[in-house]
Protein backbone atom coordinates (compact mmCIF):
# COMPACT_ATOMS: atom_id res chain seq x y z
CA MET A 1 -122.85 -214.19 83.10
CA THR A 2 -119.16 -213.41 82.77
CA ARG A 3 -117.28 -210.22 82.15
CA THR A 4 -114.60 -209.53 79.62
CA ALA A 5 -111.33 -210.46 81.35
CA PRO A 6 -108.99 -207.57 82.17
CA ALA A 7 -106.43 -209.24 79.90
CA ASP A 8 -108.74 -208.52 76.96
CA ARG A 9 -108.21 -204.80 77.31
CA GLY A 10 -107.73 -204.37 73.59
CA ALA A 11 -111.36 -205.37 73.08
CA ILE A 12 -112.60 -202.71 75.47
CA ASN A 13 -113.74 -199.69 73.54
CA VAL A 14 -115.53 -197.10 75.63
CA GLU A 15 -115.73 -194.79 72.63
CA ARG A 16 -117.63 -197.41 70.64
CA VAL A 17 -120.08 -197.97 73.51
CA PHE A 18 -120.48 -194.19 73.79
CA ARG A 19 -121.49 -193.96 70.12
CA GLU A 20 -123.90 -196.87 70.40
CA ALA A 21 -125.46 -196.24 73.82
CA TYR A 22 -125.33 -192.48 74.45
CA GLY A 23 -128.69 -191.58 72.88
CA GLN A 24 -130.45 -194.52 74.54
CA ALA A 25 -128.99 -193.62 77.94
CA VAL A 26 -129.85 -189.92 77.77
CA ALA A 27 -133.41 -190.64 76.55
CA THR A 28 -134.00 -193.15 79.38
CA LEU A 29 -132.75 -190.75 82.04
CA VAL A 30 -134.76 -187.83 80.70
CA ARG A 31 -137.87 -190.03 81.00
CA VAL A 32 -136.98 -190.93 84.59
CA PHE A 33 -135.93 -187.49 85.84
CA GLY A 34 -137.57 -185.08 83.40
CA ASP A 35 -134.42 -182.93 83.27
CA VAL A 36 -132.37 -182.82 80.06
CA THR A 37 -129.26 -181.21 81.60
CA LEU A 38 -129.23 -183.56 84.59
CA ALA A 39 -129.56 -186.59 82.27
CA GLU A 40 -126.82 -185.47 79.90
CA ASP A 41 -124.38 -184.66 82.71
CA ALA A 42 -125.04 -187.95 84.47
CA VAL A 43 -124.51 -190.00 81.32
CA GLN A 44 -121.26 -188.18 80.58
CA ASP A 45 -120.10 -188.86 84.15
CA ALA A 46 -120.95 -192.52 83.71
CA PHE A 47 -118.74 -192.75 80.64
CA VAL A 48 -115.89 -191.13 82.59
CA VAL A 49 -116.29 -193.83 85.24
CA ALA A 50 -116.34 -196.49 82.53
CA SER A 51 -113.13 -195.14 81.00
CA ASP A 52 -111.42 -195.50 84.38
CA ARG A 53 -112.95 -198.80 85.43
CA TRP A 54 -113.42 -201.05 82.40
CA PRO A 55 -109.74 -201.36 81.43
CA THR A 56 -109.07 -202.84 84.90
CA HIS A 57 -112.28 -204.73 85.74
CA GLY A 58 -113.36 -205.72 82.24
CA ILE A 59 -116.31 -204.66 80.14
CA PRO A 60 -119.71 -205.71 81.58
CA PRO A 61 -121.95 -208.09 79.57
CA ASN A 62 -124.51 -205.31 79.04
CA PRO A 63 -122.47 -202.10 78.59
CA ALA A 64 -125.49 -199.91 77.80
CA GLY A 65 -127.31 -201.15 80.94
CA TRP A 66 -124.19 -200.52 83.03
CA ILE A 67 -123.98 -196.95 81.72
CA ILE A 68 -127.67 -196.24 82.35
CA THR A 69 -127.61 -197.70 85.86
CA THR A 70 -124.41 -195.82 86.77
CA ALA A 71 -125.78 -192.58 85.30
CA ARG A 72 -129.08 -193.00 87.13
CA ASN A 73 -127.29 -193.44 90.44
CA ARG A 74 -125.14 -190.38 89.72
CA ALA A 75 -128.26 -188.33 88.98
CA ILE A 76 -129.90 -189.48 92.21
CA ASP A 77 -126.79 -188.41 94.15
CA VAL A 78 -126.92 -184.99 92.56
CA LEU A 79 -130.59 -184.62 93.41
CA ARG A 80 -130.07 -185.63 97.04
CA ARG A 81 -127.54 -182.82 97.42
CA SER A 82 -129.95 -180.04 96.43
CA ALA A 83 -133.18 -178.75 97.97
CA ARG A 84 -134.99 -178.90 94.64
CA GLY A 85 -133.50 -182.29 94.08
CA ARG A 86 -134.68 -183.66 97.42
CA ALA A 87 -138.25 -182.74 96.52
CA LEU A 88 -137.93 -184.31 93.11
CA HIS A 89 -136.20 -187.33 94.62
CA GLU A 90 -139.21 -187.95 96.85
CA GLU A 91 -141.43 -187.92 93.76
CA ILE A 92 -139.30 -190.56 92.09
CA GLY A 93 -138.52 -192.52 95.21
CA ALA A 94 -139.27 -195.75 93.47
CA VAL A 95 -136.32 -195.11 91.22
CA ALA A 96 -133.96 -194.74 94.15
CA THR A 97 -135.25 -197.82 95.98
CA THR A 98 -135.03 -200.03 92.89
CA SER A 99 -131.66 -198.69 91.78
CA ARG A 100 -128.98 -201.32 91.41
CA GLY A 101 -125.26 -200.95 91.62
CA PRO A 102 -123.27 -200.28 88.45
CA ASP A 103 -121.89 -203.81 88.46
CA THR A 104 -125.35 -205.40 88.21
CA ASP A 105 -125.60 -207.80 85.28
CA ASP A 106 -129.40 -208.29 85.27
CA TRP A 107 -130.28 -204.70 84.28
CA GLU A 108 -133.42 -204.45 82.17
CA GLU A 109 -134.54 -201.56 80.02
CA GLU A 110 -137.32 -199.46 81.54
CA GLY A 111 -139.74 -199.34 78.63
CA PRO A 112 -139.23 -199.50 74.89
CA VAL A 113 -136.04 -197.70 73.85
CA SER A 114 -137.64 -196.36 70.66
CA ASP A 115 -140.43 -194.79 72.73
CA ASP A 116 -137.93 -193.06 74.99
CA GLN A 117 -136.00 -191.71 72.03
CA LEU A 118 -139.17 -190.58 70.26
CA ARG A 119 -140.30 -188.76 73.35
CA LEU A 120 -136.99 -186.96 73.51
CA ILE A 121 -137.14 -186.07 69.81
CA PHE A 122 -140.62 -184.64 70.15
CA THR A 123 -139.51 -182.72 73.27
CA CYS A 124 -136.58 -181.21 71.38
CA CYS A 125 -138.81 -180.45 68.37
CA HIS A 126 -141.34 -178.45 70.35
CA PRO A 127 -142.58 -175.41 68.33
CA ALA A 128 -141.47 -173.11 71.15
CA LEU A 129 -137.87 -173.81 70.04
CA ARG A 130 -136.35 -172.38 66.90
CA ILE A 131 -135.93 -174.99 64.16
CA GLU A 132 -132.12 -174.84 64.14
CA HIS A 133 -132.12 -175.28 67.93
CA GLN A 134 -134.48 -178.26 67.64
CA VAL A 135 -132.23 -180.12 65.24
CA ALA A 136 -128.95 -179.24 66.95
CA LEU A 137 -130.15 -180.28 70.41
CA THR A 138 -131.54 -183.59 69.19
CA LEU A 139 -128.30 -184.42 67.35
CA ARG A 140 -126.44 -183.68 70.58
CA LEU A 141 -128.68 -185.65 72.90
CA LEU A 142 -129.60 -188.62 70.71
CA GLY A 143 -126.70 -188.74 68.28
CA GLY A 144 -124.00 -188.14 70.84
CA LEU A 145 -122.30 -185.68 68.51
CA ASN A 146 -119.93 -183.18 70.08
CA VAL A 147 -120.41 -179.47 69.61
CA ASP A 148 -117.78 -179.20 66.90
CA GLU A 149 -119.38 -181.97 64.83
CA ILE A 150 -122.81 -180.33 65.04
CA ALA A 151 -121.31 -176.92 64.20
CA ARG A 152 -119.78 -178.36 61.03
CA SER A 153 -123.16 -179.77 60.00
CA PHE A 154 -124.69 -176.29 60.29
CA LEU A 155 -121.63 -174.50 58.85
CA VAL A 156 -121.36 -172.29 61.95
CA SER A 157 -118.62 -171.78 64.55
CA GLU A 158 -118.26 -174.09 67.54
CA ALA A 159 -118.86 -171.15 69.91
CA ALA A 160 -122.09 -170.20 68.12
CA MET A 161 -123.34 -173.77 68.29
CA ALA A 162 -122.51 -174.07 71.99
CA LYS A 163 -124.68 -171.01 72.65
CA ARG A 164 -127.55 -172.52 70.65
CA LEU A 165 -127.46 -175.71 72.70
CA VAL A 166 -127.44 -173.85 76.01
CA ARG A 167 -130.36 -171.66 74.91
CA ALA A 168 -132.36 -174.69 73.76
CA LYS A 169 -131.93 -176.58 77.02
CA TYR A 170 -132.78 -173.45 79.01
CA LYS A 171 -135.91 -172.92 76.93
CA ILE A 172 -137.11 -176.48 77.57
CA LYS A 173 -136.74 -175.98 81.32
CA ALA A 174 -138.08 -172.38 81.44
CA ALA A 175 -141.12 -173.12 79.25
CA LYS A 176 -141.74 -176.41 81.11
CA ILE A 177 -141.94 -178.28 77.82
CA PRO A 178 -143.31 -181.72 78.63
CA TYR A 179 -141.30 -184.85 77.92
CA ARG A 180 -143.87 -186.87 75.99
CA ILE A 181 -145.12 -187.86 72.57
CA PRO A 182 -147.67 -185.15 71.72
CA ALA A 183 -151.40 -185.74 71.31
CA GLU A 184 -152.50 -186.69 67.81
CA ALA A 185 -153.63 -183.14 67.01
CA GLU A 186 -150.15 -181.80 67.86
CA LEU A 187 -148.20 -184.24 65.71
CA PRO A 188 -148.42 -182.57 62.26
CA GLU A 189 -146.85 -179.26 63.37
CA ARG A 190 -143.78 -181.08 64.69
CA LEU A 191 -143.47 -183.70 61.95
CA ARG A 192 -141.19 -181.73 59.62
CA SER A 193 -138.60 -181.13 62.36
CA VAL A 194 -138.81 -184.72 63.64
CA LEU A 195 -138.28 -186.17 60.18
CA SER A 196 -135.33 -183.83 59.57
CA VAL A 197 -133.71 -184.89 62.83
CA VAL A 198 -134.12 -188.61 62.18
CA TYR A 199 -132.63 -188.25 58.70
CA LEU A 200 -129.71 -186.20 60.03
CA ILE A 201 -129.03 -188.92 62.59
CA TYR A 202 -128.99 -191.48 59.76
CA ASN A 203 -126.66 -189.36 57.64
CA THR A 204 -124.28 -188.88 60.54
CA GLY A 205 -123.92 -192.65 60.68
CA ALA A 206 -123.56 -192.82 56.89
CA ASP A 207 -120.69 -190.35 56.83
CA ASP A 208 -118.74 -192.14 59.57
CA PRO A 209 -118.44 -195.96 59.52
CA GLU A 210 -117.65 -195.89 63.24
CA ARG A 211 -121.14 -194.50 63.87
CA ALA A 212 -123.10 -197.25 62.11
CA ALA A 213 -125.20 -197.65 65.27
CA LEU A 214 -126.74 -194.27 64.50
CA ARG A 215 -128.08 -195.61 61.23
CA ARG A 216 -129.72 -198.49 63.05
CA ASP A 217 -131.21 -196.08 65.57
CA ALA A 218 -132.55 -193.83 62.83
CA ILE A 219 -134.18 -196.71 60.94
CA ARG A 220 -135.75 -197.99 64.16
CA LEU A 221 -137.07 -194.51 64.89
CA GLY A 222 -138.36 -194.29 61.32
CA ARG A 223 -140.32 -197.50 61.79
CA ALA A 224 -141.69 -196.18 65.08
CA LEU A 225 -142.80 -192.94 63.39
CA VAL A 226 -144.62 -194.88 60.66
CA ALA A 227 -146.38 -196.95 63.34
CA LEU A 228 -147.27 -193.75 65.20
CA MET A 229 -148.45 -191.91 62.06
CA PRO A 230 -149.50 -194.58 59.54
CA ASP A 231 -151.43 -192.10 57.40
CA GLU A 232 -148.50 -189.69 56.98
CA PRO A 233 -146.81 -190.43 53.63
CA GLU A 234 -143.70 -188.38 54.41
CA ALA A 235 -142.94 -190.58 57.43
CA ALA A 236 -143.18 -193.62 55.14
CA GLY A 237 -141.08 -191.80 52.53
CA LEU A 238 -138.30 -191.18 55.03
CA LEU A 239 -138.30 -194.83 56.10
CA ALA A 240 -138.08 -195.93 52.45
CA LEU A 241 -135.24 -193.45 51.81
CA MET A 242 -133.22 -194.79 54.73
CA LEU A 243 -133.87 -198.44 53.83
CA LEU A 244 -132.83 -197.95 50.19
CA SER A 245 -129.74 -196.00 51.25
CA GLU A 246 -128.86 -198.66 53.81
CA ALA A 247 -129.20 -201.37 51.18
CA ARG A 248 -126.23 -199.91 49.32
CA MET A 249 -124.01 -199.41 52.37
CA PRO A 250 -122.15 -202.75 52.14
CA ALA A 251 -120.74 -201.71 48.73
CA ARG A 252 -119.90 -198.08 49.52
CA ARG A 253 -116.54 -198.85 51.12
CA ALA A 254 -113.81 -201.34 50.50
CA GLU A 255 -110.70 -201.64 52.70
CA GLY A 256 -111.55 -198.31 54.29
CA ALA A 257 -111.81 -196.47 50.97
CA LEU A 258 -114.86 -194.85 49.43
CA VAL A 259 -116.26 -196.71 46.42
CA LEU A 260 -118.21 -194.56 43.95
CA LEU A 261 -121.61 -195.64 42.65
CA ARG A 262 -120.18 -196.46 39.22
CA ALA A 263 -117.70 -198.95 40.71
CA GLN A 264 -119.83 -200.53 43.40
CA ASP A 265 -120.35 -204.30 43.44
CA ARG A 266 -124.14 -204.39 43.23
CA THR A 267 -124.25 -208.03 44.30
CA LYS A 268 -123.42 -206.70 47.77
CA TRP A 269 -126.54 -204.57 47.91
CA ASP A 270 -129.11 -205.87 50.41
CA GLN A 271 -132.00 -207.08 48.26
CA ALA A 272 -134.37 -207.55 51.20
CA LEU A 273 -134.02 -203.88 52.14
CA ILE A 274 -134.43 -202.88 48.51
CA GLU A 275 -137.65 -204.87 48.18
CA GLU A 276 -139.02 -203.35 51.40
CA GLY A 277 -138.06 -199.85 50.29
CA HIS A 278 -139.58 -200.34 46.83
CA ALA A 279 -142.85 -201.56 48.35
CA ILE A 280 -143.07 -198.45 50.51
CA VAL A 281 -142.29 -196.15 47.53
CA ARG A 282 -145.04 -197.84 45.47
CA ALA A 283 -147.49 -197.34 48.33
CA CYS A 284 -146.52 -193.67 48.50
CA ILE A 285 -147.07 -193.26 44.76
CA ARG A 286 -150.57 -194.71 45.11
CA ARG A 287 -151.34 -192.09 47.77
CA ASP A 288 -150.39 -189.35 45.30
CA ARG A 289 -149.31 -186.89 48.00
CA PRO A 290 -145.67 -186.40 47.00
CA GLY A 291 -143.29 -184.73 49.45
CA PRO A 292 -139.51 -184.25 49.71
CA TYR A 293 -138.71 -187.55 51.46
CA GLN A 294 -140.92 -189.55 49.12
CA LEU A 295 -139.19 -188.00 46.10
CA GLN A 296 -135.74 -188.66 47.52
CA ALA A 297 -136.80 -192.25 48.17
CA ALA A 298 -138.01 -192.52 44.57
CA ILE A 299 -134.59 -191.34 43.38
CA GLN A 300 -132.92 -194.03 45.46
CA ALA A 301 -135.38 -196.58 44.08
CA VAL A 302 -134.34 -195.72 40.52
CA HIS A 303 -130.67 -196.24 41.45
CA CYS A 304 -131.52 -199.58 43.08
CA ASP A 305 -133.53 -200.66 40.03
CA ALA A 306 -130.57 -200.34 37.66
CA ALA A 307 -128.43 -203.35 36.91
CA SER A 308 -125.41 -201.10 36.41
CA PHE A 309 -124.39 -197.45 36.54
CA ASP A 310 -124.62 -197.16 32.74
CA THR A 311 -128.18 -198.51 32.63
CA THR A 312 -129.46 -196.08 35.30
CA ASP A 313 -132.44 -194.03 34.09
CA TRP A 314 -130.74 -190.68 34.62
CA HIS A 315 -133.51 -188.78 32.80
CA GLN A 316 -136.02 -190.03 35.36
CA ILE A 317 -133.64 -189.04 38.16
CA VAL A 318 -133.28 -185.51 36.76
CA ALA A 319 -137.07 -185.25 36.46
CA LEU A 320 -137.46 -186.34 40.09
CA TYR A 321 -134.88 -183.77 41.15
CA ASP A 322 -136.81 -181.11 39.22
CA HIS A 323 -139.92 -182.00 41.21
CA LEU A 324 -137.94 -182.11 44.46
CA LEU A 325 -136.39 -178.71 43.74
CA SER A 326 -139.86 -177.22 43.24
CA LEU A 327 -140.86 -178.43 46.72
CA MET A 328 -137.52 -177.91 48.47
CA PRO A 329 -135.53 -175.24 46.61
CA THR A 330 -132.28 -175.62 48.56
CA PRO A 331 -128.70 -175.34 47.28
CA VAL A 332 -127.96 -178.96 48.26
CA VAL A 333 -130.87 -180.27 46.17
CA ALA A 334 -129.66 -178.12 43.28
CA LEU A 335 -126.16 -179.59 43.75
CA ASN A 336 -127.43 -183.14 43.52
CA ARG A 337 -129.55 -182.27 40.50
CA ALA A 338 -126.46 -180.80 38.80
CA ILE A 339 -124.54 -184.05 39.33
CA ALA A 340 -127.38 -186.04 37.74
CA LEU A 341 -127.52 -183.49 34.92
CA GLY A 342 -123.94 -184.34 34.18
CA GLU A 343 -125.11 -187.82 33.17
CA THR A 344 -127.83 -186.62 30.82
CA GLU A 345 -126.40 -183.41 29.31
CA GLY A 346 -122.69 -183.71 30.04
CA PRO A 347 -120.13 -182.11 32.35
CA GLU A 348 -120.39 -178.61 30.89
CA ALA A 349 -124.09 -178.37 31.69
CA ALA A 350 -123.37 -179.73 35.16
CA LEU A 351 -120.68 -177.11 35.77
CA THR A 352 -123.08 -174.33 34.78
CA ALA A 353 -125.62 -175.64 37.31
CA LEU A 354 -122.93 -176.04 39.97
CA ASP A 355 -121.68 -172.47 39.45
CA ALA A 356 -125.24 -171.23 40.15
CA VAL A 357 -125.05 -172.50 43.73
CA ALA A 358 -121.30 -172.06 44.31
CA SER A 359 -121.68 -168.95 46.48
CA ASP A 360 -124.22 -170.69 48.74
CA LEU A 361 -122.13 -173.87 49.17
CA ASP A 362 -118.55 -172.58 49.09
CA GLY A 363 -117.90 -174.15 52.50
CA TYR A 364 -119.39 -177.53 51.50
CA HIS A 365 -116.78 -180.04 50.34
CA LEU A 366 -119.13 -181.98 48.02
CA LEU A 367 -119.66 -178.90 45.83
CA HIS A 368 -115.92 -178.72 45.12
CA ALA A 369 -115.64 -182.49 44.74
CA ALA A 370 -118.43 -182.41 42.14
CA ARG A 371 -116.75 -179.53 40.30
CA GLY A 372 -113.46 -181.43 40.35
CA ALA A 373 -115.12 -184.50 38.84
CA MET A 374 -116.79 -182.50 36.05
CA LEU A 375 -113.58 -180.59 35.27
CA ARG A 376 -111.72 -183.90 35.22
CA ARG A 377 -114.13 -185.31 32.65
CA LEU A 378 -113.37 -182.23 30.52
CA ASP A 379 -109.63 -182.98 30.90
CA GLN A 380 -109.03 -179.65 32.69
CA ARG A 381 -106.45 -181.13 35.05
CA ASP A 382 -105.21 -177.98 36.83
CA ALA A 383 -108.71 -176.69 37.53
CA ALA A 384 -109.86 -180.14 38.64
CA THR A 385 -106.87 -180.47 40.98
CA ALA A 386 -107.62 -177.09 42.55
CA ALA A 387 -111.24 -178.08 43.11
CA TYR A 388 -110.29 -181.39 44.68
CA GLU A 389 -107.75 -179.68 46.92
CA ARG A 390 -110.40 -177.27 48.12
CA ALA A 391 -112.76 -180.20 48.77
CA ALA A 392 -110.06 -182.05 50.72
CA HIS A 393 -109.43 -178.99 52.87
CA LEU A 394 -113.15 -178.82 53.77
CA ALA A 395 -113.85 -182.57 54.13
CA ALA A 396 -114.77 -183.63 57.66
CA THR A 397 -113.94 -187.37 57.52
CA GLU A 398 -110.72 -189.22 56.88
CA THR A 399 -112.47 -191.45 54.33
CA ASP A 400 -113.44 -188.44 52.22
CA ARG A 401 -109.97 -186.92 52.49
CA ARG A 402 -108.37 -190.18 51.38
CA PHE A 403 -110.69 -190.40 48.39
CA LEU A 404 -109.97 -186.83 47.35
CA ALA A 405 -106.22 -187.31 47.78
CA GLN A 406 -106.50 -190.29 45.44
CA GLN A 407 -108.20 -188.16 42.80
CA ILE A 408 -105.46 -185.51 43.11
CA SER A 409 -102.79 -188.19 42.81
CA GLU A 410 -104.40 -189.67 39.69
CA LEU A 411 -104.62 -186.23 38.10
CA ALA A 412 -100.91 -185.77 38.64
CA GLY A 413 -100.26 -188.96 36.60
CA ASN A 414 -101.20 -189.88 33.10
CA GLY A 415 -104.05 -192.31 33.74
CA ALA A 416 -107.45 -192.22 32.03
CA LEU A 417 -109.75 -189.62 33.57
CA THR A 418 -112.98 -191.51 34.08
CA GLU A 419 -114.03 -190.90 37.69
CA HIS A 420 -117.34 -189.35 38.65
CA PRO A 421 -118.29 -187.45 41.81
CA PRO A 422 -119.29 -189.25 45.00
CA ASP A 423 -122.91 -190.39 44.96
């Protein structure tokens, strides 16, 4: 096997490998050492070494394996230097004796990656941890998100989120929470948190094209959850939701710009994923145990059924949102329902529904983007511009900011005002 030549330095992207391999590496090391903090620190150290070494020596054929082997050796060195570590090192002596150097090309994964990641998710979602700590810690360890990114997802300060993560890791160690997939009787009480985490991992990849690997990880984890809990319809519903969302991904962006649902080239949608997602939704309907993820998957199925935006059954979508809102009465669900309402009852009705949740979602850019779109349809240019400007100020990604800047620019001209809010 050959390495990337040093001359090909432009092809070396440690940041890309970090996004794709971080969660796998942390999960593997937690399984080996049973220490979340040790695993995370060792993986971060390995990426520092990669940043220094790869531009000169070339990227190895198996970057993820290189990172895991280097991180494992780093962790072993740390353990050897401490009294507690020496005792633990004796327990895992086989790891030390079989450890290879970081330049080894024949590294093999130690067990199924999905199992390692599921174990880590279930560890982070232990009921001894508060729900917001469960989700935040899993996003950090498996998603590789930095503290600021997670803080934005929770609409809290970076300092507050950093404290949450420290508390969560301390709690895992202090309470001696085991690193394992729970017994069957323990699964239901953790399922809600686990499903939330997997979906958040998927959405992190959806919001940032550079994190597409997170979407693949989330779908793989969704399949593993369905295999683990075949009689749980919400696990199946989440998998269907991610598959149907993923089917539309190829048409959501063009030349780096966001493409709204109305303008998407539906021939680019992945029909194989749509068929698989539809089959799961139909199976869920036959079970007649509707839950939030199944209803969201059903909404996506209606979108994927339509030949065009104008032939979408918006009345059915509003009805599904009504049902979803009864089960999950959150401001974000109400926001999405309001956008759909704009297609059945018009922009004025949508604005009334949006105003009802405005105080809860004032820091959420999609609320202001939706208001801007409805005001634009009513030809209220100044108000629409102000809403779009507020959305652009809050938007977290460059893609969203570019899209919103385009809407502001069009409002400043004399073109037809036909755009709708992001789907």
